[in-house]
Amino acid sequence: MHETDAARCAELENQLFDGDDPWPDFAFVRELAAPHNRYVAARVDDKLVGYAGISRLGRKPPFEYEIHTVGVDPAYQGHGIGRQMMTELLDAIGPDSVVYLEVRTDNEPAIALYASLGFKKVGVRKRYYRVSGADAYTMRRDPVK
């Protein structure tokens, strides 16, 4: 993903997360500039249709990671794009790392995707999404043995 993709990512954020404090373009620019983050984009015919990012936590190994965001254009959902991006991020950090994420408790397709990638629910964060007040599951993927 490139800094020039920030406006399109913000556009998708507004479509996907309208009631949950979507990220503006400058948030993507800032995230892309941070050396401990990795972002990927999915494109169809040169159009950005998905994005996903992960952040390394801590300064010394063993590192833990956190998925910061995953979004797929509604017109392209259900075609494996989210899985492809998640797999790319997880492959980049390797199998020996703990990875966390938060997901709305009512986002059943995302929860199913994350579970299929080895994530398990480990807690609930009440009113995690400040604007809507929606709850989120915290999910964790342990090192793959």
C-alpha atoms as a PDB file:
ATOM      1  CA  MET A   1       0.000   0.000   0.000  1.00  0.00           C
ATOM      2  CA  HIS A   2       1.206   3.512  -0.747  1.00  0.00           C
ATOM      3  CA  GLU A   3       0.578   6.955   0.719  1.00  0.00           C
ATOM      4  CA  THR A   4      -1.318   7.801  -2.456  1.00  0.00           C
ATOM      5  CA  ASP A   5      -3.894   5.158  -1.425  1.00  0.00           C
ATOM      6  CA  ALA A   6      -4.849   7.035   1.758  1.00  0.00           C
ATOM      7  CA  ALA A   7      -7.771   8.947   0.239  1.00  0.00           C
ATOM      8  CA  ARG A   8      -9.312   5.775  -1.221  1.00  0.00           C
ATOM      9  CA  CYS A   9      -8.845   3.950   2.102  1.00  0.00           C
ATOM     10  CA  ALA A  10     -10.593   6.801   3.917  1.00  0.00           C
ATOM     11  CA  GLU A  11     -13.421   6.651   1.366  1.00  0.00           C
ATOM     12  CA  LEU A  12     -13.864   2.933   2.034  1.00  0.00           C
ATOM     13  CA  GLU A  13     -13.653   3.519   5.802  1.00  0.00           C
ATOM     14  CA  ASN A  14     -16.582   5.926   5.535  1.00  0.00           C
ATOM     15  CA  GLN A  15     -18.626   3.305   3.683  1.00  0.00           C
ATOM     16  CA  LEU A  16     -17.674   0.413   5.939  1.00  0.00           C
ATOM     17  CA  PHE A  17     -17.467   1.997   9.390  1.00  0.00           C
ATOM     18  CA  ASP A  18     -19.680   5.071   9.148  1.00  0.00           C
ATOM     19  CA  GLY A  19     -21.100   4.729  12.671  1.00  0.00           C
ATOM     20  CA  ASP A  20     -17.793   3.705  14.238  1.00  0.00           C
ATOM     21  CA  ASP A  21     -15.362   6.609  13.866  1.00  0.00           C
ATOM     22  CA  PRO A  22     -13.813   5.849  10.446  1.00  0.00           C
ATOM     23  CA  TRP A  23     -10.190   6.779   9.888  1.00  0.00           C
ATOM     24  CA  PRO A  24      -9.520   9.920   7.818  1.00  0.00           C
ATOM     25  CA  ASP A  25      -6.875   9.919   5.102  1.00  0.00           C
ATOM     26  CA  PHE A  26      -4.221  11.483   7.353  1.00  0.00           C
ATOM     27  CA  ALA A  27      -4.558   8.537   9.772  1.00  0.00           C
ATOM     28  CA  PHE A  28      -3.594   6.166   6.957  1.00  0.00           C
ATOM     29  CA  VAL A  29      -0.675   8.403   5.982  1.00  0.00           C
ATOM     30  CA  ARG A  30       0.555   8.357   9.586  1.00  0.00           C
ATOM     31  CA  GLU A  31       0.130   4.585   9.875  1.00  0.00           C
ATOM     32  CA  LEU A  32       1.997   3.962   6.631  1.00  0.00           C
ATOM     33  CA  ALA A  33       4.908   6.113   7.799  1.00  0.00           C
ATOM     34  CA  ALA A  34       5.418   4.214  11.059  1.00  0.00           C
ATOM     35  CA  PRO A  35       8.306   1.733  10.744  1.00  0.00           C
ATOM     36  CA  HIS A  36       6.646  -0.864  12.992  1.00  0.00           C
ATOM     37  CA  ASN A  37       3.521  -1.107  10.781  1.00  0.00           C
ATOM     38  CA  ARG A  38       2.859  -3.101   7.639  1.00  0.00           C
ATOM     39  CA  TYR A  39      -0.059  -2.420   5.301  1.00  0.00           C
ATOM     40  CA  VAL A  40      -1.257  -4.280   2.235  1.00  0.00           C
ATOM     41  CA  ALA A  41      -3.761  -3.361  -0.444  1.00  0.00           C
ATOM     42  CA  ALA A  42      -5.933  -5.417  -2.761  1.00  0.00           C
ATOM     43  CA  ARG A  43      -6.608  -4.112  -6.243  1.00  0.00           C
ATOM     44  CA  VAL A  44      -8.922  -5.078  -9.070  1.00  0.00           C
ATOM     45  CA  ASP A  45      -8.101  -3.473 -12.406  1.00  0.00           C
ATOM     46  CA  ASP A  46      -5.846  -0.951 -10.618  1.00  0.00           C
ATOM     47  CA  LYS A  47      -8.677   0.086  -8.273  1.00  0.00           C
ATOM     48  CA  LEU A  48      -7.984  -0.312  -4.565  1.00  0.00           C
ATOM     49  CA  VAL A  49     -10.759  -2.560  -3.214  1.00  0.00           C
ATOM     50  CA  GLY A  50      -9.247  -3.579   0.118  1.00  0.00           C
ATOM     51  CA  TYR A  51      -6.664  -2.702   2.730  1.00  0.00           C
ATOM     52  CA  ALA A  52      -5.324  -4.248   5.906  1.00  0.00           C
ATOM     53  CA  GLY A  53      -2.674  -3.313   8.445  1.00  0.00           C
ATOM     54  CA  ILE A  54      -0.742  -4.840  11.296  1.00  0.00           C
ATOM     55  CA  SER A  55       1.457  -3.253  13.938  1.00  0.00           C
ATOM     56  CA  ARG A  56       4.362  -4.700  15.892  1.00  0.00           C
ATOM     57  CA  LEU A  57       4.056  -4.106  19.631  1.00  0.00           C
ATOM     58  CA  GLY A  58       7.035  -3.692  21.918  1.00  0.00           C
ATOM     59  CA  ARG A  59      10.674  -2.900  21.309  1.00  0.00           C
ATOM     60  CA  LYS A  60      12.331  -6.270  21.929  1.00  0.00           C
ATOM     61  CA  PRO A  61      11.532  -9.805  20.793  1.00  0.00           C
ATOM     62  CA  PRO A  62       9.488 -11.792  21.198  1.00  0.00           C
ATOM     63  CA  PHE A  63       7.116  -9.321  19.592  1.00  0.00           C
ATOM     64  CA  GLU A  64       3.359  -9.354  19.714  1.00  0.00           C
ATOM     65  CA  TYR A  65       1.301  -7.895  16.890  1.00  0.00           C
ATOM     66  CA  GLU A  66      -2.072  -6.229  16.513  1.00  0.00           C
ATOM     67  CA  ILE A  67      -4.252  -6.082  13.432  1.00  0.00           C
ATOM     68  CA  HIS A  68      -5.189  -2.404  13.170  1.00  0.00           C
ATOM     69  CA  THR A  69      -7.697  -2.437  10.335  1.00  0.00           C
ATOM     70  CA  VAL A  70      -9.165  -4.582   7.592  1.00  0.00           C
ATOM     71  CA  GLY A  71     -11.593  -3.278   5.008  1.00  0.00           C
ATOM     72  CA  VAL A  72     -12.977  -4.572   1.726  1.00  0.00           C
ATOM     73  CA  ASP A  73     -15.162  -2.602  -0.684  1.00  0.00           C
ATOM     74  CA  PRO A  74     -18.736  -3.901  -0.238  1.00  0.00           C
ATOM     75  CA  ALA A  75     -18.934  -4.678  -3.963  1.00  0.00           C
ATOM     76  CA  TYR A  76     -16.018  -7.110  -3.566  1.00  0.00           C
ATOM     77  CA  GLN A  77     -16.838  -8.750  -0.241  1.00  0.00           C
ATOM     78  CA  GLY A  78     -17.231 -12.516  -0.172  1.00  0.00           C
ATOM     79  CA  HIS A  79     -14.532 -13.172  -2.781  1.00  0.00           C
ATOM     80  CA  GLY A  80     -11.643 -14.034  -0.444  1.00  0.00           C
ATOM     81  CA  ILE A  81      -9.976 -10.617  -0.551  1.00  0.00           C
ATOM     82  CA  GLY A  82     -10.009 -10.180   3.236  1.00  0.00           C
ATOM     83  CA  ARG A  83      -8.538 -13.677   3.683  1.00  0.00           C
ATOM     84  CA  GLN A  84      -5.843 -12.971   1.105  1.00  0.00           C
ATOM     85  CA  MET A  85      -4.768  -9.744   2.831  1.00  0.00           C
ATOM     86  CA  MET A  86      -4.855 -11.302   6.313  1.00  0.00           C
ATOM     87  CA  THR A  87      -2.806 -14.256   5.091  1.00  0.00           C
ATOM     88  CA  GLU A  88      -0.239 -11.919   3.559  1.00  0.00           C
ATOM     89  CA  LEU A  89       0.112  -9.994   6.834  1.00  0.00           C
ATOM     90  CA  LEU A  90       0.335 -13.145   8.961  1.00  0.00           C
ATOM     91  CA  ASP A  91       2.863 -14.741   6.595  1.00  0.00           C
ATOM     92  CA  ALA A  92       5.013 -11.588   6.778  1.00  0.00           C
ATOM     93  CA  ILE A  93       5.376 -11.803  10.560  1.00  0.00           C
ATOM     94  CA  GLY A  94       5.796 -15.568  10.635  1.00  0.00           C
ATOM     95  CA  PRO A  95       4.128 -18.327  12.634  1.00  0.00           C
ATOM     96  CA  ASP A  96       5.895 -17.723  15.961  1.00  0.00           C
ATOM     97  CA  SER A  97       4.081 -14.541  16.937  1.00  0.00           C
ATOM     98  CA  VAL A  98       1.038 -13.764  19.040  1.00  0.00           C
ATOM     99  CA  VAL A  99      -1.455 -11.566  17.166  1.00  0.00           C
ATOM    100  CA  TYR A 100      -4.450  -9.672  18.570  1.00  0.00           C
ATOM    101  CA  LEU A 101      -7.388  -7.898  16.976  1.00  0.00           C
ATOM    102  CA  GLU A 102     -10.738  -6.378  17.888  1.00  0.00           C
ATOM    103  CA  VAL A 103     -13.899  -7.034  15.913  1.00  0.00           C
ATOM    104  CA  ARG A 104     -17.497  -5.923  16.422  1.00  0.00           C
ATOM    105  CA  THR A 105     -19.462  -8.641  18.167  1.00  0.00           C
ATOM    106  CA  ASP A 106     -22.113  -8.457  15.431  1.00  0.00           C
ATOM    107  CA  ASN A 107     -19.681  -8.803  12.497  1.00  0.00           C
ATOM    108  CA  GLU A 108     -20.225 -12.514  11.945  1.00  0.00           C
ATOM    109  CA  PRO A 109     -18.449 -12.772   8.552  1.00  0.00           C
ATOM    110  CA  ALA A 110     -15.269 -11.181   9.979  1.00  0.00           C
ATOM    111  CA  ILE A 111     -15.419 -13.304  13.141  1.00  0.00           C
ATOM    112  CA  ALA A 112     -15.718 -16.454  10.994  1.00  0.00           C
ATOM    113  CA  LEU A 113     -12.769 -15.361   8.842  1.00  0.00           C
ATOM    114  CA  TYR A 114     -10.573 -14.665  11.856  1.00  0.00           C
ATOM    115  CA  ALA A 115     -11.549 -17.960  13.516  1.00  0.00           C
ATOM    116  CA  SER A 116     -10.629 -19.827  10.325  1.00  0.00           C
ATOM    117  CA  LEU A 117      -7.178 -18.203  10.517  1.00  0.00           C
ATOM    118  CA  GLY A 118      -6.616 -19.472  14.068  1.00  0.00           C
ATOM    119  CA  PHE A 119      -7.919 -16.539  16.121  1.00  0.00           C
ATOM    120  CA  LYS A 120      -9.914 -17.298  19.266  1.00  0.00           C
ATOM    121  CA  LYS A 121     -12.146 -14.997  21.300  1.00  0.00           C
ATOM    122  CA  VAL A 122     -10.401 -14.065  24.535  1.00  0.00           C
ATOM    123  CA  GLY A 123     -12.564 -11.240  25.838  1.00  0.00           C
ATOM    124  CA  VAL A 124     -15.185  -8.587  25.239  1.00  0.00           C
ATOM    125  CA  ARG A 125     -14.494  -4.865  25.222  1.00  0.00           C
ATOM    126  CA  LYS A 126     -17.689  -3.087  26.164  1.00  0.00           C
ATOM    127  CA  ARG A 127     -18.528  -0.004  24.086  1.00  0.00           C
ATOM    128  CA  TYR A 128     -15.194  -0.355  22.269  1.00  0.00           C
ATOM    129  CA  TYR A 129     -16.558   1.567  19.282  1.00  0.00           C
ATOM    130  CA  ARG A 130     -17.092   4.934  20.916  1.00  0.00           C
ATOM    131  CA  VAL A 131     -19.428   6.550  18.420  1.00  0.00           C
ATOM    132  CA  SER A 132     -21.926   3.687  18.103  1.00  0.00           C
ATOM    133  CA  GLY A 133     -21.283   2.186  21.528  1.00  0.00           C
ATOM    134  CA  ALA A 134     -20.930  -1.281  19.980  1.00  0.00           C
ATOM    135  CA  ASP A 135     -18.993  -3.982  21.798  1.00  0.00           C
ATOM    136  CA  ALA A 136     -15.969  -5.777  20.355  1.00  0.00           C
ATOM    137  CA  TYR A 137     -14.465  -9.177  20.849  1.00  0.00           C
ATOM    138  CA  THR A 138     -10.755  -9.263  21.466  1.00  0.00           C
ATOM    139  CA  MET A 139      -9.374 -12.187  19.489  1.00  0.00           C
ATOM    140  CA  ARG A 140      -5.926 -13.741  19.733  1.00  0.00           C
ATOM    141  CA  ARG A 141      -3.916 -16.029  17.490  1.00  0.00           C
ATOM    142  CA  ASP A 142      -1.237 -17.923  19.348  1.00  0.00           C
ATOM    143  CA  PRO A 143       1.992 -19.049  17.684  1.00  0.00           C
ATOM    144  CA  VAL A 144       1.362 -21.745  15.110  1.00  0.00           C
ATOM    145  CA  LYS A 145       3.179 -24.916  16.068  1.00  0.00           C
END
